[in-house]
Amino acid sequence: MRRLMAAALAVLLVSHAGPGAAQTSDLVSRTAFRVCADPANDPMSVEDGSGYENRLAELFAAKLDLPVSYTWYPMATGFIRNTLKAGKCDVVMGYAQGHELVQNTNHYMTSAFVLVVPSDGPLAEVESLADPKLQGRAIGIIAGSPPANHMAKNGLIGRAKPYHLVVDRRHESPSVDMLDDLEAGTIDAAVMWGPIAGPLVKRRGTDMKVVPLLKEEGFPKLFYRITMGVRQGEKVWERKLNSLIRRNQDEINAILTEAGVPLVTDMG
């Protein structure tokens, strides 16, 4: 009877420990903090390590007492399939909450789309796409991004200048092109994702104003929670990252703020 009970207990322990062990040893590296990243996704991830997601990766790796290693792949079609799902790396540093391709950690920041305008120009006091001052203006917008719906609703699409949504950033940079056009006066304003616009504007040191679009009514919302992405089913790894996010939120915020990322509350 004792042997039978011992055998039953052993089976029970194995059945409970097996998946966890697989998640932490077979799939997730124990020798490096392996990051899936775009090598040219400035200002977020850059192959030379200058992006703020690179700094976040260094922070998390240090907390785990591991070196950082990267699998580089353009963040376009096939990114998750060829990196995270292929087992070449274990975490994507920035992914929108609720995306089905990955399992999301808890969010570590909430940010919003923004309006970028010359700080001393006629649009400097605009805070919403519904402002009449924007009528007849040439506004840059990433085609297919959520603010485009609000622009259409407010009659701003007619003179809008669209920029590509999905590109290989090694060869094309729509956000940089949009800010170049704004500086040159080709467009009067730019509508961009804040975690891209804020750091790029700060780095330029030019006289531009970055205004989070928090007053837009109706769908879609223009603020989003950003998480890290791990492989589906890797709950042990997700919980470990969640714990690190919770315990190091102040340091995370400091990195994002120093980079120029506009942070908003969880409810926008």
Protein backbone atom coordinates (compact mmCIF):
# COMPACT_ATOMS: atom_id res chain seq x y z
CA MET A 1 0.00 0.00 0.00
CA ARG A 2 2.84 2.42 0.89
CA ARG A 3 4.54 1.72 -2.41
CA LEU A 4 1.27 2.29 -4.26
CA MET A 5 0.69 5.59 -2.47
CA ALA A 6 4.28 6.67 -3.11
CA ALA A 7 3.93 5.86 -6.80
CA ALA A 8 0.64 7.74 -7.00
CA LEU A 9 2.21 10.78 -5.29
CA ALA A 10 5.15 10.69 -7.70
CA VAL A 11 2.81 10.65 -10.69
CA LEU A 12 0.86 13.57 -9.23
CA LEU A 13 4.02 15.62 -8.67
CA VAL A 14 5.28 14.93 -12.16
CA SER A 15 1.92 15.82 -13.69
CA HIS A 16 1.91 19.19 -11.91
CA ALA A 17 5.58 19.99 -12.34
CA GLY A 18 5.96 18.80 -15.94
CA PRO A 19 4.48 21.77 -17.83
CA GLY A 20 6.14 24.32 -15.55
CA ALA A 21 9.49 22.65 -15.98
CA ALA A 22 9.03 22.62 -19.74
CA GLN A 23 8.10 26.28 -19.78
CA THR A 24 11.14 27.36 -17.81
CA SER A 25 13.81 24.93 -19.04
CA ASP A 26 12.87 23.48 -22.40
CA LEU A 27 11.46 26.61 -24.01
CA VAL A 28 12.66 29.66 -22.07
CA SER A 29 16.42 30.13 -21.86
CA ARG A 30 18.03 30.06 -18.43
CA THR A 31 21.34 31.44 -19.69
CA ALA A 32 20.17 34.66 -21.40
CA PHE A 33 17.27 37.11 -21.53
CA ARG A 34 16.41 36.38 -25.16
CA VAL A 35 14.60 39.27 -26.84
CA CYS A 36 12.77 39.21 -30.20
CA ALA A 37 13.22 42.66 -31.74
CA ASP A 38 13.24 44.75 -34.89
CA PRO A 39 16.80 45.99 -35.56
CA ALA A 40 15.62 49.32 -36.99
CA ASN A 41 12.51 50.19 -34.97
CA ASP A 42 13.88 53.51 -33.71
CA PRO A 43 13.20 54.89 -31.08
CA MET A 44 11.99 51.62 -29.54
CA SER A 45 14.44 48.88 -30.55
CA VAL A 46 17.68 49.50 -32.42
CA GLU A 47 20.47 47.05 -33.20
CA ASP A 48 23.06 49.38 -31.64
CA GLY A 49 21.18 49.22 -28.32
CA SER A 50 20.07 52.86 -28.29
CA GLY A 51 16.29 52.30 -28.17
CA TYR A 52 14.26 52.56 -24.98
CA GLU A 53 13.07 48.98 -25.37
CA ASN A 54 16.76 48.01 -25.41
CA ARG A 55 17.14 49.80 -22.07
CA LEU A 56 14.08 48.03 -20.69
CA ALA A 57 15.57 44.70 -21.81
CA GLU A 58 18.81 45.55 -20.01
CA LEU A 59 16.85 46.40 -16.85
CA PHE A 60 14.95 43.10 -16.86
CA ALA A 61 18.04 41.08 -17.70
CA ALA A 62 19.90 42.70 -14.80
CA LYS A 63 17.08 41.84 -12.40
CA LEU A 64 17.30 38.22 -13.60
CA ASP A 65 21.12 38.31 -13.48
CA LEU A 66 21.30 37.29 -17.14
CA PRO A 67 22.91 38.78 -20.26
CA VAL A 68 20.67 40.13 -23.03
CA SER A 69 20.68 38.38 -26.39
CA TYR A 70 18.67 39.39 -29.45
CA THR A 71 17.00 37.71 -32.38
CA TRP A 72 16.61 40.46 -34.96
CA TYR A 73 13.79 40.41 -37.48
CA PRO A 74 11.80 43.22 -39.16
CA MET A 75 8.53 43.81 -37.31
CA ALA A 76 6.31 43.12 -40.30
CA THR A 77 4.49 40.05 -41.59
CA GLY A 78 5.99 36.90 -40.07
CA PHE A 79 7.73 38.61 -37.14
CA ILE A 80 6.18 36.49 -34.37
CA ARG A 81 6.19 33.31 -36.47
CA ASN A 82 9.90 33.59 -37.26
CA THR A 83 11.09 34.68 -33.81
CA LEU A 84 8.97 33.94 -30.74
CA LYS A 85 6.99 30.97 -32.10
CA ALA A 86 10.12 29.51 -33.66
CA GLY A 87 11.69 29.35 -30.19
CA LYS A 88 14.59 31.61 -31.14
CA CYS A 89 13.78 34.12 -28.38
CA ASP A 90 11.50 34.37 -25.37
CA VAL A 91 10.00 37.86 -25.11
CA VAL A 92 8.86 40.78 -27.24
CA MET A 93 9.44 43.95 -25.20
CA GLY A 94 6.48 45.93 -26.50
CA TYR A 95 3.10 44.51 -27.57
CA ALA A 96 -0.42 45.93 -27.37
CA GLN A 97 -2.61 44.32 -24.72
CA GLY A 98 -5.08 41.76 -26.07
CA HIS A 99 -3.19 40.82 -29.24
CA GLU A 100 -3.91 37.19 -30.13
CA LEU A 101 -0.50 36.33 -31.61
CA VAL A 102 1.19 36.40 -28.20
CA GLN A 103 0.36 35.83 -24.57
CA ASN A 104 0.45 39.23 -22.88
CA THR A 105 2.09 40.02 -19.59
CA ASN A 106 0.55 42.68 -17.37
CA HIS A 107 0.95 46.10 -18.98
CA TYR A 108 3.91 48.24 -17.98
CA MET A 109 2.77 51.46 -19.63
CA THR A 110 -0.25 53.17 -21.12
CA SER A 111 0.25 55.73 -23.87
CA ALA A 112 -1.77 57.46 -26.55
CA PHE A 113 -1.75 58.72 -30.10
CA VAL A 114 -0.65 62.33 -30.27
CA LEU A 115 -0.94 65.44 -32.40
CA VAL A 116 2.41 67.03 -33.23
CA VAL A 117 2.37 70.70 -34.25
CA PRO A 118 4.83 73.63 -34.29
CA SER A 119 4.72 75.03 -30.75
CA ASP A 120 4.59 78.64 -31.95
CA GLY A 121 2.16 78.11 -34.85
CA PRO A 122 -1.59 78.65 -35.27
CA LEU A 123 -2.37 75.07 -34.15
CA ALA A 124 -0.39 75.22 -30.92
CA GLU A 125 -3.50 75.27 -28.71
CA VAL A 126 -5.35 72.43 -30.49
CA GLU A 127 -6.12 69.47 -28.22
CA SER A 128 -8.66 67.50 -30.27
CA LEU A 129 -9.19 66.42 -33.85
CA ALA A 130 -12.63 68.04 -33.60
CA ASP A 131 -11.07 71.51 -33.27
CA PRO A 132 -12.26 73.77 -36.16
CA LYS A 133 -8.71 75.11 -36.51
CA LEU A 134 -7.74 71.84 -38.19
CA GLN A 135 -10.25 72.25 -41.02
CA GLY A 136 -8.52 72.66 -44.39
CA ARG A 137 -5.13 71.73 -42.94
CA ALA A 138 -2.75 69.14 -44.36
CA ILE A 139 -2.31 66.53 -41.64
CA GLY A 140 0.04 63.58 -41.78
CA ILE A 141 -1.39 60.23 -40.68
CA ILE A 142 -0.21 56.62 -40.74
CA ALA A 143 -2.69 54.98 -43.11
CA GLY A 144 -4.99 52.51 -41.38
CA SER A 145 -4.09 53.60 -37.84
CA PRO A 146 -6.92 54.22 -35.31
CA PRO A 147 -6.82 58.06 -35.48
CA ALA A 148 -7.68 57.89 -39.19
CA ASN A 149 -11.26 56.99 -38.20
CA HIS A 150 -11.54 60.12 -36.09
CA MET A 151 -10.01 62.24 -38.82
CA ALA A 152 -12.59 60.92 -41.29
CA LYS A 153 -15.37 61.60 -38.78
CA ASN A 154 -14.20 65.21 -38.46
CA GLY A 155 -13.80 65.82 -42.20
CA LEU A 156 -9.99 65.92 -42.15
CA ILE A 157 -9.18 63.15 -44.63
CA GLY A 158 -9.54 65.21 -47.79
CA ARG A 159 -6.21 67.01 -47.40
CA ALA A 160 -4.52 64.37 -45.26
CA LYS A 161 -1.16 62.98 -46.32
CA PRO A 162 -1.00 59.21 -45.68
CA TYR A 163 2.19 57.38 -44.72
CA HIS A 164 2.70 53.61 -44.90
CA LEU A 165 1.65 51.48 -41.93
CA VAL A 166 3.67 48.28 -42.42
CA VAL A 167 7.20 48.81 -43.67
CA ASP A 168 10.69 47.40 -43.28
CA ARG A 169 12.21 50.09 -41.09
CA ARG A 170 15.68 49.28 -42.39
CA HIS A 171 14.63 50.90 -45.67
CA GLU A 172 11.70 53.21 -44.87
CA SER A 173 10.72 55.24 -41.80
CA PRO A 174 7.24 56.81 -42.11
CA SER A 175 7.37 58.53 -38.71
CA VAL A 176 10.68 60.20 -39.43
CA ASP A 177 9.44 61.20 -42.89
CA MET A 178 6.31 62.71 -41.33
CA LEU A 179 8.31 64.83 -38.88
CA ASP A 180 10.64 65.91 -41.69
CA ASP A 181 7.60 67.04 -43.68
CA LEU A 182 6.22 68.89 -40.66
CA GLU A 183 9.52 70.73 -40.18
CA ALA A 184 9.62 71.57 -43.89
CA GLY A 185 6.04 72.88 -43.86
CA THR A 186 4.78 70.24 -46.29
CA ILE A 187 2.15 69.32 -43.70
CA ASP A 188 0.65 71.45 -40.93
CA ALA A 189 0.35 68.75 -38.27
CA ALA A 190 1.18 65.09 -37.69
CA VAL A 191 -0.91 62.42 -35.95
CA MET A 192 1.35 59.69 -34.59
CA TRP A 193 1.69 56.98 -31.96
CA GLY A 194 3.02 58.74 -28.86
CA PRO A 195 5.79 56.26 -27.92
CA ILE A 196 7.29 56.91 -31.36
CA ALA A 197 6.56 60.63 -31.70
CA GLY A 198 7.61 61.73 -28.22
CA PRO A 199 11.17 60.36 -28.29
CA LEU A 200 11.76 61.42 -31.92
CA VAL A 201 10.61 64.99 -31.21
CA LYS A 202 12.65 65.18 -28.01
CA ARG A 203 15.77 63.99 -29.80
CA ARG A 204 15.38 66.54 -32.58
CA GLY A 205 15.30 69.40 -30.13
CA THR A 206 13.04 71.32 -32.50
CA ASP A 207 10.21 73.60 -31.47
CA MET A 208 7.38 71.07 -31.74
CA LYS A 209 4.53 70.37 -29.36
CA VAL A 210 3.33 66.83 -28.65
CA VAL A 211 -0.33 66.70 -27.55
CA PRO A 212 -1.88 63.38 -26.42
CA LEU A 213 -5.27 62.89 -28.11
CA LEU A 214 -7.35 62.12 -25.03
CA LYS A 215 -10.51 64.06 -25.89
CA GLU A 216 -11.71 62.09 -28.90
CA GLU A 217 -15.23 60.71 -28.57
CA GLY A 218 -16.43 57.34 -29.78
CA PHE A 219 -14.66 54.32 -31.20
CA PRO A 220 -11.80 53.55 -31.57
CA LYS A 221 -10.05 54.65 -28.41
CA LEU A 222 -6.68 56.32 -28.92
CA PHE A 223 -4.88 55.15 -25.79
CA TYR A 224 -3.48 51.64 -25.38
CA ARG A 225 -1.88 49.51 -22.69
CA ILE A 226 1.50 48.07 -23.67
CA THR A 227 2.69 44.71 -22.39
CA MET A 228 5.47 42.26 -23.12
CA GLY A 229 4.63 39.30 -25.32
CA VAL A 230 5.53 35.67 -24.61
CA ARG A 231 4.59 32.38 -26.26
CA GLN A 232 1.05 31.11 -25.74
CA GLY A 233 0.80 28.81 -22.72
CA GLU A 234 3.97 30.00 -20.98
CA LYS A 235 2.27 31.00 -17.73
CA VAL A 236 5.33 30.44 -15.52
CA TRP A 237 7.43 32.82 -17.62
CA GLU A 238 4.58 35.32 -17.82
CA ARG A 239 4.19 35.34 -14.03
CA LYS A 240 7.91 35.89 -13.57
CA LEU A 241 7.81 38.91 -15.88
CA ASN A 242 4.64 40.19 -14.19
CA SER A 243 6.44 40.11 -10.87
CA LEU A 244 9.38 42.04 -12.32
CA ILE A 245 7.05 44.65 -13.81
CA ARG A 246 5.26 45.12 -10.50
CA ARG A 247 8.44 45.42 -8.44
CA ASN A 248 10.29 47.68 -10.87
CA GLN A 249 7.57 49.99 -12.22
CA ASP A 250 9.34 53.14 -10.99
CA GLU A 251 12.52 52.24 -12.89
CA ILE A 252 10.47 51.38 -15.97
CA ASN A 253 8.69 54.74 -15.81
CA ALA A 254 12.02 56.54 -15.41
CA ILE A 255 13.40 54.93 -18.60
CA LEU A 256 10.25 55.77 -20.57
CA THR A 257 10.05 59.34 -19.29
CA GLU A 258 13.71 60.01 -19.98
CA ALA A 259 13.19 58.76 -23.54
CA GLY A 260 10.27 61.15 -24.03
CA VAL A 261 7.40 58.61 -24.10
CA PRO A 262 4.10 60.31 -23.14
CA LEU A 263 2.58 58.27 -20.31
CA VAL A 264 -1.13 58.47 -19.41
CA THR A 265 -3.26 56.76 -16.78
CA ASP A 266 -4.68 53.29 -17.41
CA MET A 267 -7.99 54.91 -18.41
CA GLY A 268 -6.40 57.45 -20.71
